[in-house]
């Protein structure tokens, strides 16, 4: 599903030569250099950190186990039948509730989304078909829509949060929701994805027919914000008329979501997002956050760029970047001697090497290192 989405998008967007450098030898299907030793060390590191109960990082956040299983399977060095994977999936199955999905887990929406990716990667011979369908149905049931008395006029319409009674929709969880549904087999025109596009579009700093929020035209740089209510943006609290601050991580999440939902290069939302990315391209940091959330940024960046299908990108100064090679180099530089990755800035739980190593492997997979993306 992932590769088909990427192929379809590239086929519709070859006219984007003003942004991307393309040549026949660079089109989809070209082999990328492998970095086997790095992957082997990282996979060995993750395998060695699995708990006796099959989890990574225990029961506090089962989504970490789902991330680790997904990362191991995408690395190409683990198989669905090996004990580390079957034990990890069995641990996740403990949280499946009567509503379907991992409704019994903390942060049930986030955990179910990532677990859907894990079960999809491991699904052989229909073994997890029922689990996947249950996860899809559960996620759809938690989406803010008419079933909760919300109409399209509500700023939260179409979005999802972490899950639970006080869950507030945000772009990060909505992006994971979209990715999980598409990767597990739902088409781009599924009604749930169309509703999600209403929310995603309202997270973009772009005054248009797709975003009627009063702040939409105040920044108007084409980037994306964490949530369209703006309650998490410090600048909006200090200066309500200043608009909301875009971030690169959320812009890649928004771009990825729009491509998954079938939007093309001609769509003004895609055009505006790409212009923002041209002006904020870097792999030295998470733009606007420094080192905070760096590995989340890497995996979101890589997934979005791979969906675009172009091997190079021109920044706002006209410099061409081979994003895959630059991402691999950034991760090689940061890998620890033990094979894992860890972020000294623990603000977003990235002090847990199970999270950061999983994000790194998922990013490398999207860059063509490990099993073909």
Protein backbone atom coordinates (compact mmCIF):
# COMPACT_ATOMS: atom_id res chain seq x y z
CA UNK A 1 0.00 0.00 0.00
CA UNK A 2 2.76 2.42 0.95
CA UNK A 3 4.74 1.88 -2.25
CA UNK A 4 1.61 2.09 -4.42
CA UNK A 5 0.72 5.43 -2.83
CA UNK A 6 4.22 6.74 -3.52
CA UNK A 7 4.17 5.55 -7.14
CA UNK A 8 0.78 7.11 -7.80
CA UNK A 9 1.82 10.43 -6.29
CA UNK A 10 5.03 10.64 -8.30
CA UNK A 11 3.23 9.75 -11.50
CA UNK A 12 0.93 12.74 -10.96
CA UNK A 13 3.63 15.18 -9.92
CA UNK A 14 6.49 14.99 -12.41
CA UNK A 15 5.76 18.61 -13.29
CA UNK A 16 7.25 19.66 -9.94
CA UNK A 17 10.72 20.20 -11.47
CA UNK A 18 10.86 23.65 -9.94
CA UNK A 19 11.17 22.05 -6.52
CA UNK A 20 12.73 18.66 -7.15
CA UNK A 21 15.66 17.50 -9.24
CA UNK A 22 14.53 14.45 -11.22
CA UNK A 23 16.20 12.23 -13.80
CA UNK A 24 15.28 8.91 -15.34
CA UNK A 25 17.79 6.98 -13.22
CA UNK A 26 16.31 8.52 -10.05
CA UNK A 27 12.71 7.41 -10.57
CA UNK A 28 11.08 4.99 -8.15
CA UNK A 29 12.62 1.56 -8.20
CA UNK A 30 16.24 2.70 -8.10
CA UNK A 31 18.31 0.90 -5.45
CA UNK A 32 19.66 2.96 -2.61
CA UNK A 33 22.98 2.08 -0.93
CA UNK A 34 22.56 -0.16 2.09
CA UNK A 35 24.24 0.34 5.43
CA UNK A 36 24.05 -3.19 6.73
CA UNK A 37 26.31 -2.97 9.79
CA UNK A 38 24.36 -0.03 11.19
CA UNK A 39 21.05 -1.86 10.80
CA UNK A 40 22.45 -5.09 12.27
CA UNK A 41 23.70 -3.27 15.36
CA UNK A 42 20.43 -1.39 15.83
CA UNK A 43 18.33 -4.54 15.46
CA UNK A 44 20.57 -6.39 17.91
CA UNK A 45 20.25 -3.51 20.34
CA UNK A 46 16.43 -3.58 20.20
CA UNK A 47 16.22 -7.35 20.47
CA UNK A 48 18.34 -7.23 23.61
CA UNK A 49 16.03 -4.72 25.29
CA UNK A 50 12.80 -6.71 25.06
CA UNK A 51 11.27 -7.52 28.42
CA UNK A 52 10.26 -10.95 29.65
CA UNK A 53 6.61 -10.00 29.06
CA UNK A 54 7.32 -9.33 25.39
CA UNK A 55 7.25 -5.56 25.75
CA UNK A 56 9.68 -2.77 25.18
CA UNK A 57 9.64 -0.23 28.03
CA UNK A 58 6.93 -2.15 29.90
CA UNK A 59 3.26 -1.34 30.36
CA UNK A 60 3.49 2.42 30.82
CA UNK A 61 3.18 3.07 27.10
CA UNK A 62 2.37 -0.03 24.98
CA UNK A 63 2.78 2.09 21.86
CA UNK A 64 6.55 1.78 22.34
CA UNK A 65 6.26 -1.98 21.84
CA UNK A 66 4.25 -1.39 18.67
CA UNK A 67 6.95 0.99 17.41
CA UNK A 68 9.70 -1.53 18.14
CA UNK A 69 7.89 -4.39 16.38
CA UNK A 70 7.20 -2.21 13.34
CA UNK A 71 10.81 -1.03 13.22
CA UNK A 72 12.23 -4.54 13.51
CA UNK A 73 10.01 -5.89 10.73
CA UNK A 74 10.78 -2.99 8.42
CA UNK A 75 14.50 -3.45 9.02
CA UNK A 76 14.41 -6.66 7.00
CA UNK A 77 16.37 -8.43 9.74
CA UNK A 78 13.35 -9.77 11.63
CA UNK A 79 10.55 -12.08 10.50
CA UNK A 80 6.93 -12.34 11.68
CA UNK A 81 7.55 -15.86 12.98
CA UNK A 82 10.54 -15.18 15.20
CA UNK A 83 10.03 -15.15 18.98
CA UNK A 84 10.80 -11.46 19.52
CA UNK A 85 8.03 -10.48 17.11
CA UNK A 86 5.42 -13.01 18.20
CA UNK A 87 6.00 -12.14 21.86
CA UNK A 88 5.76 -8.43 21.11
CA UNK A 89 2.50 -8.87 19.23
CA UNK A 90 1.09 -11.11 21.95
CA UNK A 91 1.87 -8.36 24.45
CA UNK A 92 -0.08 -5.87 22.32
CA UNK A 93 -3.02 -8.28 21.98
CA UNK A 94 -3.51 -8.09 25.74
CA UNK A 95 -4.82 -4.54 25.26
CA UNK A 96 -7.41 -5.35 22.61
CA UNK A 97 -10.83 -4.54 24.04
CA UNK A 98 -14.43 -5.31 23.10
CA UNK A 99 -14.55 -2.19 20.91
CA UNK A 100 -11.72 -3.55 18.78
CA UNK A 101 -8.34 -1.94 18.64
CA UNK A 102 -6.14 -1.49 21.67
CA UNK A 103 -8.89 0.33 23.52
CA UNK A 104 -7.60 -0.89 26.89
CA UNK A 105 -4.20 0.74 26.45
CA UNK A 106 -3.15 4.17 27.71
CA UNK A 107 -3.24 6.57 24.76
CA UNK A 108 -5.47 4.08 22.99
CA UNK A 109 -5.67 5.94 19.67
CA UNK A 110 -1.93 6.43 19.30
CA UNK A 111 -1.22 2.87 20.43
CA UNK A 112 -3.82 1.37 18.10
CA UNK A 113 -2.49 3.36 15.14
CA UNK A 114 1.08 2.18 15.60
CA UNK A 115 -0.07 -1.34 16.48
CA UNK A 116 -2.03 -1.48 13.21
CA UNK A 117 1.25 -0.90 11.38
CA UNK A 118 2.91 -3.67 13.39
CA UNK A 119 0.11 -6.20 12.81
CA UNK A 120 -0.01 -5.28 9.13
CA UNK A 121 3.75 -5.81 8.76
CA UNK A 122 3.44 -9.21 10.47
CA UNK A 123 0.28 -10.38 8.71
CA UNK A 124 0.90 -13.61 6.83
CA UNK A 125 -1.83 -15.92 5.61
CA UNK A 126 -4.52 -13.70 7.10
CA UNK A 127 -3.40 -14.39 10.67
CA UNK A 128 -4.10 -10.85 11.84
CA UNK A 129 -6.92 -9.92 9.45
CA UNK A 130 -9.51 -9.72 12.22
CA UNK A 131 -7.19 -7.74 14.47
CA UNK A 132 -6.50 -5.27 11.68
CA UNK A 133 -10.18 -4.79 10.88
CA UNK A 134 -10.97 -4.33 14.56
CA UNK A 135 -8.24 -1.72 14.85
CA UNK A 136 -9.50 0.17 11.82
CA UNK A 137 -13.06 0.16 13.14
CA UNK A 138 -11.97 1.32 16.59
CA UNK A 139 -9.97 4.21 15.20
CA UNK A 140 -12.86 5.32 13.02
CA UNK A 141 -15.18 5.20 16.02
CA UNK A 142 -12.94 7.62 17.94
CA UNK A 143 -12.74 10.20 15.16
CA UNK A 144 -14.52 13.46 15.98
CA UNK A 145 -17.54 13.63 13.67
CA UNK A 146 -21.33 13.59 13.57
CA UNK A 147 -21.54 10.54 15.85
CA UNK A 148 -20.34 12.83 18.66
CA UNK A 149 -22.69 15.64 17.70
CA UNK A 150 -19.93 17.60 15.90
CA UNK A 151 -20.37 19.20 12.51
CA UNK A 152 -17.79 20.45 10.03
CA UNK A 153 -18.04 23.87 11.68
CA UNK A 154 -16.31 22.52 14.77
CA UNK A 155 -12.49 23.02 14.63
CA UNK A 156 -11.93 19.49 15.98
CA UNK A 157 -14.04 17.82 13.27
CA UNK A 158 -12.25 14.91 11.60
CA UNK A 159 -9.37 14.86 14.06
CA UNK A 160 -8.13 12.42 16.69
CA UNK A 161 -6.16 12.80 19.90
CA UNK A 162 -4.28 10.30 22.02
CA UNK A 163 -7.48 8.65 23.23
CA UNK A 164 -9.36 8.72 26.50
CA UNK A 165 -12.08 10.96 27.95
CA UNK A 166 -10.01 14.16 27.85
CA UNK A 167 -8.39 13.55 24.49
CA UNK A 168 -7.96 16.65 22.34
CA UNK A 169 -7.49 16.17 18.57
CA UNK A 170 -4.07 17.09 17.22
CA UNK A 171 -2.22 16.75 13.93
CA UNK A 172 0.35 14.23 15.15
CA UNK A 173 -2.21 11.63 16.22
CA UNK A 174 -4.40 12.35 13.20
CA UNK A 175 -1.39 11.79 10.93
CA UNK A 176 -0.62 8.45 12.60
CA UNK A 177 -4.31 7.53 12.15
CA UNK A 178 -4.21 8.33 8.42
CA UNK A 179 -0.94 6.46 7.92
CA UNK A 180 -2.19 3.40 9.80
CA UNK A 181 -5.44 3.19 7.84
CA UNK A 182 -3.71 3.60 4.49
CA UNK A 183 -0.84 1.22 5.25
CA UNK A 184 -3.30 -1.41 6.49
CA UNK A 185 -5.28 -1.33 3.26
CA UNK A 186 -7.96 1.37 3.25
CA UNK A 187 -8.26 3.47 0.08
CA UNK A 188 -7.54 7.19 -0.09
CA UNK A 189 -11.21 8.01 -0.62
CA UNK A 190 -12.41 6.25 2.53
CA UNK A 191 -14.93 8.54 4.29
CA UNK A 192 -12.83 8.60 7.47
CA UNK A 193 -9.85 9.92 5.52
CA UNK A 194 -11.97 12.58 3.86
CA UNK A 195 -13.12 13.76 7.27
CA UNK A 196 -9.55 13.72 8.51
CA UNK A 197 -8.57 16.02 5.64
CA UNK A 198 -10.94 18.64 7.03
CA UNK A 199 -8.97 18.66 10.27
CA UNK A 200 -5.55 18.41 8.62
CA UNK A 201 -6.34 21.33 6.30
CA UNK A 202 -7.34 23.45 9.28
CA UNK A 203 -3.93 22.81 10.81
CA UNK A 204 -2.23 24.57 7.90
CA UNK A 205 -1.19 28.21 8.00
CA UNK A 206 -2.87 28.89 4.69
CA UNK A 207 -5.86 31.11 4.15
CA UNK A 208 -7.99 29.23 1.65
CA UNK A 209 -11.32 27.58 1.11
CA UNK A 210 -9.97 24.66 3.14
CA UNK A 211 -9.11 26.64 6.26
CA UNK A 212 -11.65 29.15 7.46
CA UNK A 213 -10.15 29.54 10.93
CA UNK A 214 -9.70 33.23 11.91
CA UNK A 215 -5.93 32.79 12.38
CA UNK A 216 -5.31 31.06 9.05
CA UNK A 217 -4.13 34.12 7.11
CA UNK A 218 -2.07 35.76 9.84
CA UNK A 219 1.07 33.66 9.43
CA UNK A 220 0.14 32.22 6.02
CA UNK A 221 3.48 30.49 5.39
CA UNK A 222 2.06 27.12 4.27
CA UNK A 223 3.41 25.28 7.32
CA UNK A 224 1.35 23.29 9.79
CA UNK A 225 0.54 23.65 13.48
CA UNK A 226 -0.09 21.02 16.14
CA UNK A 227 -3.80 21.76 16.48
CA UNK A 228 -6.15 24.29 14.90
CA UNK A 229 -7.36 25.50 18.28
CA UNK A 230 -3.91 26.90 18.94
CA UNK A 231 -4.03 26.17 22.66
CA UNK A 232 -0.56 24.66 22.57
CA UNK A 233 1.11 27.63 20.88
CA UNK A 234 2.82 30.05 23.27
CA UNK A 235 2.82 32.87 20.76
CA UNK A 236 -0.97 32.72 20.40
CA UNK A 237 -1.32 33.16 24.17
CA UNK A 238 0.97 36.20 24.28
CA UNK A 239 -0.30 37.85 21.12
CA UNK A 240 -3.69 36.54 19.97
CA UNK A 241 -3.52 38.56 16.74
CA UNK A 242 -0.12 37.19 15.73
CA UNK A 243 -1.38 33.90 14.39
CA UNK A 244 -0.02 30.42 15.12
CA UNK A 245 3.55 29.22 14.68
CA UNK A 246 4.22 26.58 12.03
CA UNK A 247 6.70 23.80 12.74
CA UNK A 248 8.67 21.64 10.33
CA UNK A 249 7.76 18.38 12.06
CA UNK A 250 4.05 19.10 11.81
CA UNK A 251 4.47 20.29 8.22
CA UNK A 252 5.96 16.95 7.20
CA UNK A 253 3.13 15.20 9.10
CA UNK A 254 0.58 17.33 7.25
CA UNK A 255 2.22 16.77 3.87
CA UNK A 256 2.40 13.02 4.44
CA UNK A 257 -1.27 12.96 5.40
CA UNK A 258 -2.34 14.91 2.32
CA UNK A 259 -0.47 12.58 -0.02
CA UNK A 260 -1.97 9.53 1.68
CA UNK A 261 -5.41 11.08 1.20
CA UNK A 262 -4.84 11.43 -2.54
CA UNK A 263 -4.03 15.12 -2.92
CA UNK A 264 -1.79 15.97 -5.89
CA UNK A 265 1.00 18.45 -6.54
CA UNK A 266 -1.51 20.81 -8.15
CA UNK A 267 -3.43 21.21 -4.91
CA UNK A 268 -2.69 24.60 -3.29
CA UNK A 269 -2.21 22.92 0.09
CA UNK A 270 0.58 20.71 -1.27
CA UNK A 271 2.18 23.64 -3.08
CA UNK A 272 2.17 25.79 0.06
CA UNK A 273 3.58 23.00 2.25
CA UNK A 274 6.43 22.40 -0.19
CA UNK A 275 7.31 26.08 -0.22
CA UNK A 276 7.52 26.03 3.57
CA UNK A 277 9.75 22.95 3.42
CA UNK A 278 12.09 24.65 0.92
CA UNK A 279 12.70 27.40 3.47
CA UNK A 280 13.19 25.11 6.46
CA UNK A 281 15.16 22.17 5.13
CA UNK A 282 17.69 20.76 7.59
CA UNK A 283 18.71 17.49 9.21
CA UNK A 284 20.95 19.09 11.82
CA UNK A 285 18.01 19.75 14.11
CA UNK A 286 14.25 19.73 14.43
CA UNK A 287 13.62 23.24 13.03
CA UNK A 288 12.26 25.53 15.70
CA UNK A 289 12.82 22.91 18.42
CA UNK A 290 16.55 22.35 18.28
CA UNK A 291 17.30 18.77 19.39
CA UNK A 292 13.90 18.34 21.02
CA UNK A 293 11.83 15.67 19.27
CA UNK A 294 14.63 15.10 16.75
CA UNK A 295 13.95 11.42 16.07
CA UNK A 296 10.21 11.91 15.71
CA UNK A 297 11.16 14.60 13.19
CA UNK A 298 13.48 12.23 11.33
CA UNK A 299 10.86 9.51 10.86
CA UNK A 300 8.14 11.98 9.85
CA UNK A 301 10.50 13.74 7.44
CA UNK A 302 11.58 10.43 5.89
CA UNK A 303 8.08 9.05 5.45
CA UNK A 304 6.85 12.27 3.82
CA UNK A 305 9.86 12.58 1.52
CA UNK A 306 9.63 8.95 0.44
CA UNK A 307 5.98 9.41 -0.43
CA UNK A 308 6.96 12.35 -2.62
CA UNK A 309 9.20 9.99 -4.54
CA UNK A 310 11.90 12.49 -5.52
CA UNK A 311 15.53 11.75 -4.62
CA UNK A 312 16.58 15.38 -4.28
CA UNK A 313 15.04 18.59 -3.04
CA UNK A 314 16.02 22.19 -3.74
CA UNK A 315 15.99 24.50 -0.75
CA UNK A 316 15.00 28.16 -0.88
CA UNK A 317 18.58 29.14 -1.78
CA UNK A 318 18.65 26.80 -4.76
CA UNK A 319 20.88 24.16 -3.17
CA UNK A 320 20.11 20.56 -4.06
CA UNK A 321 19.92 17.99 -1.25
CA UNK A 322 20.07 14.22 -1.63
CA UNK A 323 17.77 13.75 1.34
CA UNK A 324 18.31 10.00 1.73
CA UNK A 325 22.09 10.24 1.89
CA UNK A 326 21.90 13.23 4.22
CA UNK A 327 19.48 11.45 6.55
CA UNK A 328 21.63 8.32 6.64
CA UNK A 329 24.70 10.47 7.40
CA UNK A 330 22.86 12.27 10.21
CA UNK A 331 21.88 8.96 11.81
CA UNK A 332 25.31 7.38 11.36
CA UNK A 333 26.80 10.35 13.20
CA UNK A 334 24.37 9.95 16.11
CA UNK A 335 24.34 6.19 16.57
CA UNK A 336 25.74 5.02 19.90
CA UNK A 337 28.47 2.41 20.22
CA UNK A 338 25.88 -0.10 21.45
CA UNK A 339 23.92 0.24 18.19
CA UNK A 340 21.03 2.31 19.48
CA UNK A 341 20.10 5.96 19.40
CA UNK A 342 19.07 8.22 22.27
CA UNK A 343 18.25 11.90 22.50
CA UNK A 344 19.80 13.84 25.43
CA UNK A 345 16.69 16.04 25.33
CA UNK A 346 13.99 13.87 26.93
CA UNK A 347 11.08 16.31 26.54
CA UNK A 348 9.11 13.97 24.26
CA UNK A 349 10.28 10.71 25.88
CA UNK A 350 13.23 10.57 23.48
CA UNK A 351 15.51 9.77 26.40
CA UNK A 352 14.12 6.23 26.01
CA UNK A 353 16.37 4.51 23.44
CA UNK A 354 13.61 2.06 22.57
CA UNK A 355 11.64 4.96 21.10
CA UNK A 356 14.51 6.74 19.39
CA UNK A 357 16.04 3.55 17.96
CA UNK A 358 12.65 2.52 16.58
CA UNK A 359 12.13 5.95 15.02
CA UNK A 360 15.63 5.79 13.52
CA UNK A 361 15.02 2.36 11.96
CA UNK A 362 11.66 3.49 10.55
CA UNK A 363 13.36 6.56 9.06
CA UNK A 364 16.15 4.45 7.57
CA UNK A 365 13.58 2.10 6.05
CA UNK A 366 11.95 5.05 4.32
CA UNK A 367 15.39 6.06 3.05
CA UNK A 368 15.89 2.64 1.50
CA UNK A 369 18.09 1.09 4.17
CA UNK A 370 16.77 -2.28 5.25
CA UNK A 371 13.80 -3.88 3.59
CA UNK A 372 12.75 -1.97 0.47
CA UNK A 373 10.30 0.83 1.32
